[in-house]
Amino acid sequence: MPMQSPKNALFPTTVNCLGEFSQLEDTPQWIYELDNPYLHGVYAPTNNINTHATNLEIEGEIPADMYGAYLRNGPNPRQKPSSLYHPFDGDGLVQGLYFNNGQVTYRSSQIQTAALLREQNECQAVWPGVMGTFDFTLPDFPIKDTANTDIIWHNGRLITLWYNAGIPYTLDPITLENLGPLQSPSKLTRKMSAHSRVDWETGEMFFFDFGDTPPYMNYGVLGADGRLKHECPIDLPAPRLPHEITFTSNHAILHDHPLFHDIHILRQHGRRIIRFHRDMPTRFGLIPRLGSQVTWLECEPCYVLHTSNAWEEGDWVVIDGCRSTNPMPDADPEEGTLSHMLAYMRLEANNYRWRLNLRTGEVREGPIDDLNSEFNKSNQLFHGVKTRYAYHQKIPLRRDGGHTLRFTGLIKYDNETGRRQEWDYGPGVFGSETPFVPKKGADRSSAEDDGYLTTFVTDTRSWRSSCLIFDARDITSGPLATVRLPHRIPYGFHGWWARGEDIYR
């Protein structure tokens, strides 16, 4: 797979971020015309976009009670971008590893969005990316909706979602065949933000969207049958950029953070200029699951990309997640036109807990740990009720070599004590978001951490990609099994565990 090294003098920004890197033969060769680290090395797109492979090489033994599929979404641009490339712009590519009775099957599928289909037909980029000038003459969105951020299972289908609130696209949960855009039952919106949530206990799906015109947010609930159960507009003072939604047994939790853009600049110049307003609080909005009255509680200024879980303790709502007090790090002018994108993608965050009193409005908050980590997951069987454990990715800061977003190790947190277990992926090996895998037939009577963890890794020394499987009770013992994938896969964003009880029925 590796070919000769490219002429590094042509890629000063990429070399500064990645160091020495190889030219790869399984990637579109136009990437070697662009000096952007998110198009090279472990981030390089792949031409292997629709794969079905069995008889995979396995080291160790696959647990017999692993039953379901590990799915991951991420960027895989198919056309040379017409403007500066951001990883949010890459066409969505889903990787899937299926486990059933000790057997493993691998599949991948490029998401056939409307934008990708048009660009394939025209053999060129049509939509600008998030760093390009917005083109409001284009259909649906003035920038490219790629469906590349998250993937969830609900009501017999996989749903792919985009960070910027885009049109959800659906896939067959077994074959990964494209089934087209989700036929939204909503009366207010056809968009969903990246991180909708599914309650495995009730089958309900909580979603929201956001935009630049009133109402600036809409909230909704789909029932287990996929039908719209509830929706309502949410009153916000101006456009915002929330990233996810959380829920407890009685409430959904909406996010309003002081990280947003100036709508006047967007309208006048076609660019979204985002600023962190340190003099404004972060707000969490608690709304009854099927209600419309939001109770907003103010917290210290920060940005929250991902929460692990939330639950209720009497009058208190507890939220565990990752908190960033510097979501817009200073750009390095030496990195030129990519400097602000590179700075934003250098994620700075730590494990944190908020406690909100619904009766008195009191807020108590503080760190669980100060280690830089994010892309946190927990046992989804227990979402909405009290949990103790969360599984994070270790992210090196820039001073530690983190010039680009990269996951160098897996962390298991005990959020009651703040103690952590760690597993380092190894030199030059980078991992993926790691969902919890309940054992076949598990429910809330099972121990919370009695299951497995799965992550995709790519070794940049050999350009081989694998899936590692850990015992969630003790990750320090290393992988129980390693599944070698048939080819290299590019870096991705978010992962999901789809239970065999759901997808194989």
Protein backbone atom coordinates (compact mmCIF):
# COMPACT_ATOMS: atom_id res chain seq x y z
CA MET A 1 0.00 0.00 0.00
CA PRO A 2 2.66 2.64 0.85
CA MET A 3 4.44 4.17 -2.11
CA GLN A 4 7.33 6.60 -2.14
CA SER A 5 7.21 9.56 0.23
CA PRO A 6 5.84 12.73 -1.39
CA LYS A 7 8.04 15.74 -1.78
CA ASN A 8 7.65 17.11 1.71
CA ALA A 9 8.71 20.60 0.65
CA LEU A 10 5.36 20.89 -1.14
CA PHE A 11 3.43 20.22 2.08
CA PRO A 12 4.91 22.41 4.85
CA THR A 13 1.72 22.58 6.93
CA THR A 14 1.06 18.85 6.59
CA VAL A 15 4.63 17.90 7.49
CA ASN A 16 4.58 20.26 10.47
CA CYS A 17 1.42 18.54 11.74
CA LEU A 18 2.11 14.91 10.78
CA GLY A 19 5.85 14.65 10.28
CA GLU A 20 7.07 12.21 7.63
CA PHE A 21 4.16 10.55 5.82
CA SER A 22 3.77 8.07 3.00
CA GLN A 23 2.08 8.36 -0.33
CA LEU A 24 -0.68 5.77 -0.41
CA GLU A 25 -1.94 3.89 -3.45
CA ASP A 26 -5.48 3.28 -2.14
CA THR A 27 -6.42 6.96 -2.02
CA PRO A 28 -7.44 9.48 -4.70
CA GLN A 29 -4.26 11.04 -5.97
CA TRP A 30 -5.64 14.60 -6.03
CA ILE A 31 -4.91 14.81 -2.28
CA TYR A 32 -1.22 15.20 -3.21
CA GLU A 33 -2.05 18.52 -4.80
CA LEU A 34 -3.24 19.95 -1.46
CA ASP A 35 -1.29 20.88 1.66
CA ASN A 36 -3.82 19.92 4.32
CA PRO A 37 -2.98 17.39 7.08
CA TYR A 38 -6.61 16.21 7.22
CA LEU A 39 -6.20 14.82 3.70
CA HIS A 40 -3.01 12.85 4.37
CA GLY A 41 -1.65 10.04 6.48
CA VAL A 42 -4.19 8.49 8.82
CA TYR A 43 -6.82 10.98 7.59
CA ALA A 44 -6.36 10.20 3.89
CA PRO A 45 -9.58 9.17 2.13
CA THR A 46 -9.84 5.67 0.70
CA ASN A 47 -11.04 4.31 -2.64
CA ASN A 48 -12.33 1.19 -0.83
CA ILE A 49 -15.84 2.49 -0.30
CA ASN A 50 -18.16 -0.51 -0.69
CA THR A 51 -16.53 -3.60 0.78
CA HIS A 52 -17.91 -6.92 2.03
CA ALA A 53 -15.36 -9.26 3.58
CA THR A 54 -15.49 -12.48 5.58
CA ASN A 55 -12.75 -14.88 6.74
CA LEU A 56 -10.97 -12.04 8.49
CA GLU A 57 -7.69 -12.67 10.28
CA ILE A 58 -8.28 -12.82 14.04
CA GLU A 59 -5.75 -12.79 16.85
CA GLY A 60 -7.14 -14.03 20.15
CA GLU A 61 -10.73 -15.18 20.50
CA ILE A 62 -13.96 -13.34 19.79
CA PRO A 63 -16.24 -13.55 22.84
CA ALA A 64 -19.18 -15.83 22.07
CA ASP A 65 -21.63 -13.38 23.71
CA MET A 66 -20.65 -10.47 21.42
CA TYR A 67 -23.81 -10.11 19.37
CA GLY A 68 -24.37 -7.14 17.08
CA ALA A 69 -22.40 -4.62 15.05
CA TYR A 70 -19.78 -1.96 15.68
CA LEU A 71 -20.49 0.91 13.29
CA ARG A 72 -18.49 4.06 12.71
CA ASN A 73 -19.07 7.12 10.54
CA GLY A 74 -16.48 9.55 9.23
CA PRO A 75 -15.25 11.75 6.36
CA ASN A 76 -14.13 10.34 3.02
CA PRO A 77 -14.10 13.09 0.36
CA ARG A 78 -14.67 11.82 -3.16
CA GLN A 79 -14.03 15.00 -5.17
CA LYS A 80 -11.20 17.49 -4.94
CA PRO A 81 -12.63 20.35 -2.84
CA SER A 82 -13.23 23.69 -4.50
CA SER A 83 -12.40 25.60 -1.31
CA LEU A 84 -10.28 25.00 1.77
CA TYR A 85 -11.01 21.52 3.13
CA HIS A 86 -12.32 20.87 6.62
CA PRO A 87 -12.92 17.29 7.87
CA PHE A 88 -16.61 18.15 8.36
CA ASP A 89 -16.76 18.45 4.54
CA GLY A 90 -15.75 14.85 3.73
CA ASP A 91 -18.48 12.63 2.30
CA GLY A 92 -19.72 10.20 4.94
CA LEU A 93 -18.32 6.66 4.92
CA VAL A 94 -19.64 3.99 7.29
CA GLN A 95 -17.51 1.08 8.50
CA GLY A 96 -19.28 -1.91 10.05
CA LEU A 97 -17.98 -5.01 11.83
CA TYR A 98 -20.67 -7.63 12.53
CA PHE A 99 -20.45 -10.24 15.30
CA ASN A 100 -22.67 -13.31 15.52
CA ASN A 101 -21.85 -16.67 17.18
CA GLY A 102 -18.13 -15.96 17.12
CA GLN A 103 -18.16 -15.10 13.39
CA VAL A 104 -17.11 -11.68 12.09
CA THR A 105 -18.04 -9.88 8.86
CA TYR A 106 -16.80 -6.49 7.65
CA ARG A 107 -18.71 -4.04 5.45
CA SER A 108 -18.26 -0.44 4.36
CA SER A 109 -20.58 1.91 2.53
CA GLN A 110 -20.31 5.44 1.18
CA ILE A 111 -23.39 7.47 2.12
CA GLN A 112 -25.24 8.53 -1.01
CA THR A 113 -26.23 12.06 -0.03
CA ALA A 114 -27.86 14.38 -2.52
CA ALA A 115 -24.68 16.45 -2.60
CA LEU A 116 -22.44 13.45 -3.28
CA LEU A 117 -24.71 12.16 -6.06
CA ARG A 118 -24.75 15.52 -7.81
CA GLU A 119 -20.99 15.94 -7.50
CA GLN A 120 -20.42 12.43 -8.82
CA ASN A 121 -22.64 13.23 -11.79
CA GLU A 122 -20.74 16.44 -12.51
CA CYS A 123 -17.31 14.94 -11.61
CA GLN A 124 -16.41 17.96 -9.52
CA ALA A 125 -17.10 19.64 -6.20
CA VAL A 126 -20.27 21.75 -6.27
CA TRP A 127 -20.84 22.75 -2.65
CA PRO A 128 -18.31 24.79 -0.69
CA GLY A 129 -17.16 23.48 2.67
CA VAL A 130 -17.52 25.06 6.08
CA MET A 131 -14.47 27.28 5.43
CA GLY A 132 -15.60 28.33 1.98
CA THR A 133 -17.93 31.20 1.16
CA PHE A 134 -21.50 29.98 1.70
CA ASP A 135 -23.48 29.68 -1.54
CA PHE A 136 -27.15 30.33 -0.76
CA THR A 137 -28.20 29.55 -4.35
CA LEU A 138 -27.56 25.83 -3.83
CA PRO A 139 -30.41 23.49 -2.80
CA ASP A 140 -30.90 22.46 0.84
CA PHE A 141 -27.72 23.98 2.30
CA PRO A 142 -25.24 26.71 1.36
CA ILE A 143 -22.42 24.38 2.42
CA LYS A 144 -22.10 20.66 1.87
CA ASP A 145 -24.28 18.37 4.00
CA THR A 146 -22.15 15.22 4.20
CA ALA A 147 -23.97 13.06 6.82
CA ASN A 148 -20.46 12.16 8.04
CA THR A 149 -20.59 12.73 11.80
CA ASP A 150 -22.66 10.17 13.69
CA ILE A 151 -24.60 6.97 13.13
CA ILE A 152 -27.41 5.51 15.25
CA TRP A 153 -29.88 2.63 15.05
CA HIS A 154 -33.59 3.33 15.42
CA ASN A 155 -36.74 1.55 14.28
CA GLY A 156 -34.99 -1.00 12.07
CA ARG A 157 -32.66 1.35 10.23
CA LEU A 158 -29.31 3.05 10.61
CA ILE A 159 -29.48 6.84 10.55
CA THR A 160 -26.46 8.94 9.61
CA LEU A 161 -26.23 12.51 10.87
CA TRP A 162 -24.17 15.65 10.23
CA TYR A 163 -22.66 17.91 12.88
CA ASN A 164 -24.27 21.05 11.45
CA ALA A 165 -27.88 19.79 11.56
CA GLY A 166 -28.41 18.18 8.18
CA ILE A 167 -30.76 15.81 6.42
CA PRO A 168 -30.59 12.33 8.00
CA TYR A 169 -29.78 9.48 5.61
CA THR A 170 -30.66 5.85 6.24
CA LEU A 171 -28.89 2.55 5.66
CA ASP A 172 -29.92 -1.08 5.92
CA PRO A 173 -28.51 -2.24 9.29
CA ILE A 174 -27.19 -5.54 7.89
CA THR A 175 -26.06 -4.82 4.34
CA LEU A 176 -25.34 -1.06 4.72
CA GLU A 177 -27.30 -0.55 1.51
CA ASN A 178 -28.28 3.09 1.07
CA LEU A 179 -32.02 3.59 1.65
CA GLY A 180 -32.16 7.33 0.98
CA PRO A 181 -33.00 10.30 3.20
CA LEU A 182 -35.14 9.78 6.27
CA GLN A 183 -38.72 10.66 5.49
CA SER A 184 -39.11 13.01 8.41
CA PRO A 185 -42.49 12.95 10.15
CA SER A 186 -41.72 16.36 11.67
CA LYS A 187 -43.90 19.34 10.83
CA LEU A 188 -41.21 21.83 11.88
CA THR A 189 -38.00 20.50 10.34
CA ARG A 190 -36.48 17.84 8.11
CA LYS A 191 -33.08 18.32 9.76
CA MET A 192 -31.44 16.62 12.73
CA SER A 193 -28.26 17.58 14.49
CA ALA A 194 -25.37 15.16 14.85
CA HIS A 195 -26.18 13.67 18.19
CA SER A 196 -29.72 12.47 18.47
CA ARG A 197 -30.20 10.01 21.34
CA VAL A 198 -32.05 6.70 21.58
CA ASP A 199 -33.44 5.42 24.86
CA TRP A 200 -32.97 1.65 24.71
CA GLU A 201 -35.48 1.26 27.54
CA THR A 202 -38.42 2.93 25.76
CA GLY A 203 -37.24 2.94 22.14
CA GLU A 204 -37.78 6.70 21.91
CA MET A 205 -35.42 8.87 19.87
CA PHE A 206 -34.73 12.44 21.02
CA PHE A 207 -33.62 14.90 18.36
CA PHE A 208 -33.19 18.61 17.70
CA ASP A 209 -32.13 20.91 14.92
CA PHE A 210 -30.74 24.43 14.84
CA GLY A 211 -30.44 27.17 12.26
CA ASP A 212 -29.97 30.84 11.45
CA THR A 213 -33.64 31.87 11.37
CA PRO A 214 -36.27 31.74 14.13
CA PRO A 215 -37.05 29.47 15.78
CA TYR A 216 -33.32 28.88 16.24
CA MET A 217 -33.93 25.39 17.62
CA ASN A 218 -36.62 22.72 17.35
CA TYR A 219 -36.96 19.75 19.71
CA GLY A 220 -38.70 16.47 18.95
CA VAL A 221 -39.26 12.86 19.98
CA LEU A 222 -39.84 9.88 17.71
CA GLY A 223 -41.58 6.85 19.18
CA ALA A 224 -40.15 3.35 18.96
CA ASP A 225 -42.26 2.87 15.80
CA GLY A 226 -40.54 5.83 14.08
CA ARG A 227 -43.62 8.04 14.23
CA LEU A 228 -43.48 11.58 15.55
CA LYS A 229 -44.51 11.58 19.19
CA HIS A 230 -43.82 15.20 20.12
CA GLU A 231 -42.15 18.38 18.84
CA CYS A 232 -41.96 22.05 19.72
CA PRO A 233 -39.91 25.16 18.87
CA ILE A 234 -37.33 26.31 21.42
CA ASP A 235 -36.89 30.00 22.15
CA LEU A 236 -33.25 31.10 21.92
CA PRO A 237 -31.93 34.68 21.81
CA ALA A 238 -30.06 34.19 18.51
CA PRO A 239 -28.47 31.47 16.35
CA ARG A 240 -26.44 28.96 18.33
CA LEU A 241 -24.23 25.94 17.57
CA PRO A 242 -25.28 23.22 20.04
CA HIS A 243 -23.90 19.78 19.34
CA GLU A 244 -25.98 17.23 21.21
CA ILE A 245 -28.94 16.39 23.40
CA THR A 246 -29.09 14.35 26.60
CA PHE A 247 -31.97 12.76 28.52
CA THR A 248 -32.96 11.51 31.96
CA SER A 249 -35.92 9.34 32.93
CA ASN A 250 -38.23 12.38 32.84
CA HIS A 251 -36.47 15.11 30.87
CA ALA A 252 -34.49 15.92 27.77
CA ILE A 253 -31.57 18.31 28.22
CA LEU A 254 -30.92 20.99 25.60
CA HIS A 255 -27.64 22.88 25.27
CA ASP A 256 -27.03 26.62 24.80
CA HIS A 257 -23.32 27.46 24.84
CA PRO A 258 -21.54 30.80 24.36
CA LEU A 259 -19.80 29.59 21.20
CA PHE A 260 -21.58 30.94 18.13
CA HIS A 261 -21.27 33.04 15.01
CA ASP A 262 -22.27 36.56 14.05
CA ILE A 263 -25.33 36.24 11.83
CA HIS A 264 -24.71 39.68 10.28
CA ILE A 265 -21.24 38.66 9.05
CA LEU A 266 -22.70 35.46 7.62
CA ARG A 267 -25.40 37.38 5.73
CA GLN A 268 -23.05 40.07 4.45
CA HIS A 269 -19.95 38.03 3.65
CA GLY A 270 -21.13 34.41 3.40
CA ARG A 271 -18.77 33.19 6.12
CA ARG A 272 -19.44 31.81 9.55
CA ILE A 273 -17.07 33.50 12.00
CA ILE A 274 -17.31 31.68 15.33
CA ARG A 275 -16.28 33.27 18.63
CA PHE A 276 -16.28 32.04 22.22
CA HIS A 277 -17.99 34.61 24.45
CA ARG A 278 -16.26 34.17 27.81
CA ASP A 279 -18.56 36.66 29.52
CA MET A 280 -21.68 34.57 28.84
CA PRO A 281 -22.81 31.48 30.77
CA THR A 282 -23.39 28.03 29.40
CA ARG A 283 -27.03 27.05 29.81
CA PHE A 284 -28.63 23.63 30.09
CA GLY A 285 -32.34 23.56 29.32
CA LEU A 286 -34.42 20.88 31.00
CA ILE A 287 -37.66 20.09 29.21
CA PRO A 288 -40.14 17.32 30.06
CA ARG A 289 -39.73 14.56 27.48
CA LEU A 290 -43.11 15.34 25.92
CA GLY A 291 -43.38 18.92 27.17
CA SER A 292 -42.67 22.41 25.88
CA GLN A 293 -41.71 24.42 28.98
CA VAL A 294 -37.92 24.71 29.26
CA THR A 295 -36.15 25.41 32.56
CA TRP A 296 -32.77 26.98 31.81
CA LEU A 297 -29.98 26.78 34.38
CA GLU A 298 -26.76 28.76 34.04
CA CYS A 299 -23.30 27.27 34.45
CA GLU A 300 -19.73 28.49 34.06
CA PRO A 301 -18.86 29.51 30.46
CA CYS A 302 -17.73 26.52 28.42
CA TYR A 303 -18.53 24.41 25.40
CA VAL A 304 -19.76 20.82 25.63
CA LEU A 305 -19.44 18.58 22.61
CA HIS A 306 -20.37 15.26 24.20
CA THR A 307 -21.98 14.07 27.42
CA SER A 308 -21.64 10.55 28.79
CA ASN A 309 -24.99 10.30 30.55
CA ALA A 310 -27.50 12.17 32.72
CA TRP A 311 -29.92 11.13 35.45
CA GLU A 312 -32.08 12.40 38.29
CA GLU A 313 -31.46 12.21 42.03
CA GLY A 314 -34.49 13.74 43.73
CA ASP A 315 -34.56 17.44 42.79
CA TRP A 316 -31.11 17.18 41.21
CA VAL A 317 -30.16 16.40 37.63
CA VAL A 318 -26.63 15.08 37.22
CA ILE A 319 -24.76 15.39 33.91
CA ASP A 320 -21.41 13.73 33.20
CA GLY A 321 -19.55 14.87 30.12
CA CYS A 322 -16.52 16.63 28.72
CA ARG A 323 -16.08 20.36 29.22
CA SER A 324 -13.97 22.75 27.17
CA THR A 325 -13.09 26.19 28.51
CA ASN A 326 -11.01 26.96 25.43
CA PRO A 327 -13.03 25.77 22.43
CA MET A 328 -11.33 28.29 20.13
CA PRO A 329 -7.57 28.04 20.82
CA ASP A 330 -5.38 30.77 19.38
CA ALA A 331 -4.44 30.17 15.76
CA ASP A 332 -0.80 29.94 14.73
CA PRO A 333 -0.19 32.43 11.89
CA GLU A 334 2.60 30.18 10.58
CA GLU A 335 -0.08 27.64 9.63
CA GLY A 336 -1.46 30.10 7.09
CA THR A 337 -4.99 29.81 5.71
CA LEU A 338 -5.66 26.61 7.70
CA SER A 339 -4.60 28.05 11.04
CA HIS A 340 -8.07 28.63 12.51
CA MET A 341 -9.38 25.22 11.41
CA LEU A 342 -6.31 23.46 12.83
CA ALA A 343 -6.65 25.35 16.11
CA TYR A 344 -10.37 24.53 16.42
CA MET A 345 -9.78 20.83 15.75
CA ARG A 346 -7.16 20.65 18.53
CA LEU A 347 -9.75 19.65 21.06
CA GLU A 348 -9.11 20.70 24.65
CA ALA A 349 -11.53 19.15 27.16
CA ASN A 350 -11.69 17.16 30.38
CA ASN A 351 -14.08 14.86 32.24
CA TYR A 352 -16.56 16.95 34.23
CA ARG A 353 -19.78 16.76 36.28
CA TRP A 354 -22.66 19.22 36.58
CA ARG A 355 -25.40 18.99 39.23
CA LEU A 356 -28.52 21.09 38.59
CA ASN A 357 -31.33 21.55 41.13
CA LEU A 358 -34.68 21.79 39.37
CA ARG A 359 -36.45 23.12 42.47
CA THR A 360 -34.03 25.83 43.65
CA GLY A 361 -31.99 26.54 40.50
CA GLU A 362 -28.74 25.85 42.35
CA VAL A 363 -25.82 24.60 40.24
CA ARG A 364 -22.82 22.65 41.49
CA GLU A 365 -20.09 21.75 39.05
CA GLY A 366 -16.51 20.60 38.98
CA PRO A 367 -13.92 18.43 37.25
CA ILE A 368 -13.74 14.68 37.59
CA ASP A 369 -10.23 14.71 36.10
CA ASP A 370 -7.97 17.18 34.30
CA LEU A 371 -6.57 14.82 31.64
CA ASN A 372 -7.28 15.95 28.07
CA SER A 373 -9.91 13.50 26.80
CA GLU A 374 -13.13 13.45 24.80
CA PHE A 375 -15.32 11.33 22.49
CA ASN A 376 -16.75 9.77 25.64
CA LYS A 377 -19.20 6.86 25.66
CA SER A 378 -21.03 4.84 28.32
CA ASN A 379 -23.23 1.75 28.58
CA GLN A 380 -26.32 2.72 26.63
CA LEU A 381 -28.52 0.27 28.55
CA PHE A 382 -28.22 2.70 31.46
CA HIS A 383 -28.72 6.00 29.66
CA GLY A 384 -31.13 8.16 31.63
CA VAL A 385 -30.38 6.44 34.95
CA LYS A 386 -27.33 6.65 37.19
CA THR A 387 -24.06 5.35 35.78
CA ARG A 388 -20.57 5.14 37.16
CA TYR A 389 -18.30 4.41 34.19
CA ALA A 390 -17.41 6.24 30.99
CA TYR A 391 -14.98 5.38 28.19
CA HIS A 392 -12.96 8.23 26.68
CA GLN A 393 -10.29 8.77 24.06
CA LYS A 394 -6.99 10.23 25.20
CA ILE A 395 -6.14 13.27 23.08
CA PRO A 396 -2.63 14.75 23.14
CA LEU A 397 -2.39 18.52 23.47
CA ARG A 398 -0.38 20.42 20.91
CA ARG A 399 2.63 20.61 23.21
CA ASP A 400 2.50 16.81 23.38
CA GLY A 401 2.39 16.35 19.61
CA GLY A 402 -1.33 16.84 19.08
CA HIS A 403 -1.09 19.08 16.04
CA THR A 404 -4.22 17.41 14.66
CA LEU A 405 -7.10 15.70 16.44
CA ARG A 406 -5.93 12.16 17.20
CA PHE A 407 -6.79 9.44 19.71
CA THR A 408 -3.70 7.82 21.23
CA GLY A 409 -5.25 5.76 24.00
CA LEU A 410 -8.41 4.38 25.59
CA ILE A 411 -9.48 5.52 29.06
CA LYS A 412 -12.00 3.92 31.41
CA TYR A 413 -13.22 6.39 34.02
CA ASP A 414 -14.82 5.64 37.36
CA ASN A 415 -16.72 8.91 37.63
CA GLU A 416 -17.52 8.33 41.29
CA THR A 417 -13.87 8.26 42.34
CA GLY A 418 -12.17 10.01 39.41
CA ARG A 419 -9.84 7.05 39.00
CA ARG A 420 -8.99 5.84 35.54
CA GLN A 421 -7.60 2.88 33.66
CA GLU A 422 -5.61 3.52 30.49
CA TRP A 423 -4.51 1.55 27.45
CA ASP A 424 -2.07 3.18 25.04
CA TYR A 425 -2.62 2.19 21.41
CA GLY A 426 1.13 2.30 20.77
CA PRO A 427 3.56 4.48 18.78
CA GLY A 428 2.02 5.65 15.53
CA VAL A 429 -1.28 3.84 16.22
CA PHE A 430 -4.48 5.87 16.40
CA GLY A 431 -7.89 4.74 17.61
CA SER A 432 -11.58 5.55 17.25
CA GLU A 433 -14.50 6.38 19.49
CA THR A 434 -15.19 3.27 21.55
CA PRO A 435 -18.80 2.28 22.29
CA PHE A 436 -19.72 -0.08 25.11
CA VAL A 437 -20.86 -3.54 24.00
CA PRO A 438 -23.41 -5.20 26.34
CA LYS A 439 -23.24 -8.98 26.40
CA LYS A 440 -25.95 -10.84 24.53
CA GLY A 441 -29.18 -10.64 26.52
CA ALA A 442 -27.88 -8.04 29.02
CA ASP A 443 -30.30 -5.62 30.67
CA ARG A 444 -30.29 -3.21 33.60
CA SER A 445 -29.97 -6.10 36.04
CA SER A 446 -26.49 -6.76 34.60
CA ALA A 447 -23.40 -5.10 36.05
CA GLU A 448 -22.85 -1.77 34.32
CA ASP A 449 -19.32 -2.58 33.11
CA ASP A 450 -19.85 -6.29 32.39
CA GLY A 451 -19.33 -6.19 28.64
CA TYR A 452 -16.81 -5.24 25.97
CA LEU A 453 -15.35 -2.22 24.22
CA THR A 454 -14.58 -2.01 20.50
CA THR A 455 -12.39 0.44 18.63
CA PHE A 456 -10.92 0.70 15.15
CA VAL A 457 -7.22 1.48 15.02
CA THR A 458 -4.81 2.25 12.19
CA ASP A 459 -1.08 1.65 12.51
CA THR A 460 0.73 4.32 10.50
CA ARG A 461 3.90 2.24 10.41
CA SER A 462 2.25 -0.49 8.32
CA TRP A 463 -0.99 1.29 7.25
CA ARG A 464 -2.99 -1.68 8.52
CA SER A 465 -6.33 -1.15 10.22
CA SER A 466 -7.81 -3.44 12.87
CA CYS A 467 -10.57 -3.67 15.43
CA LEU A 468 -9.54 -4.16 19.06
CA ILE A 469 -11.92 -5.81 21.55
CA PHE A 470 -11.42 -5.19 25.28
CA ASP A 471 -12.99 -6.55 28.45
CA ALA A 472 -14.67 -3.39 29.77
CA ARG A 473 -13.97 -4.40 33.37
CA ASP A 474 -10.20 -4.26 32.85
CA ILE A 475 -8.77 -2.55 29.79
CA THR A 476 -5.25 -2.63 31.23
CA SER A 477 -4.96 -6.32 30.31
CA GLY A 478 -5.06 -5.36 26.65
CA PRO A 479 -7.27 -6.60 23.83
CA LEU A 480 -9.08 -9.93 24.12
CA ALA A 481 -9.01 -10.12 20.32
CA THR A 482 -7.75 -8.19 17.31
CA VAL A 483 -9.65 -8.38 14.03
CA ARG A 484 -7.58 -7.40 10.97
CA LEU A 485 -9.59 -5.40 8.46
CA PRO A 486 -9.17 -6.16 4.74
CA HIS A 487 -7.75 -2.70 4.02
CA ARG A 488 -6.81 0.62 5.59
CA ILE A 489 -9.71 2.76 6.75
CA PRO A 490 -9.50 6.55 7.14
CA TYR A 491 -9.89 8.31 10.45
CA GLY A 492 -13.50 8.71 11.59
CA PHE A 493 -15.74 10.53 14.01
CA HIS A 494 -18.43 8.69 15.98
CA GLY A 495 -19.23 5.04 16.62
CA TRP A 496 -22.31 3.06 17.73
CA TRP A 497 -23.00 -0.44 18.96
CA ALA A 498 -26.13 -1.90 17.35
CA ARG A 499 -27.45 -4.81 19.41
CA GLY A 500 -27.95 -8.12 17.63
CA GLU A 501 -31.36 -8.32 19.31
CA ASP A 502 -32.29 -5.25 17.25
CA ILE A 503 -30.58 -5.71 13.88
CA TYR A 504 -30.88 -9.51 13.46
CA ARG A 505 -34.56 -9.83 14.34
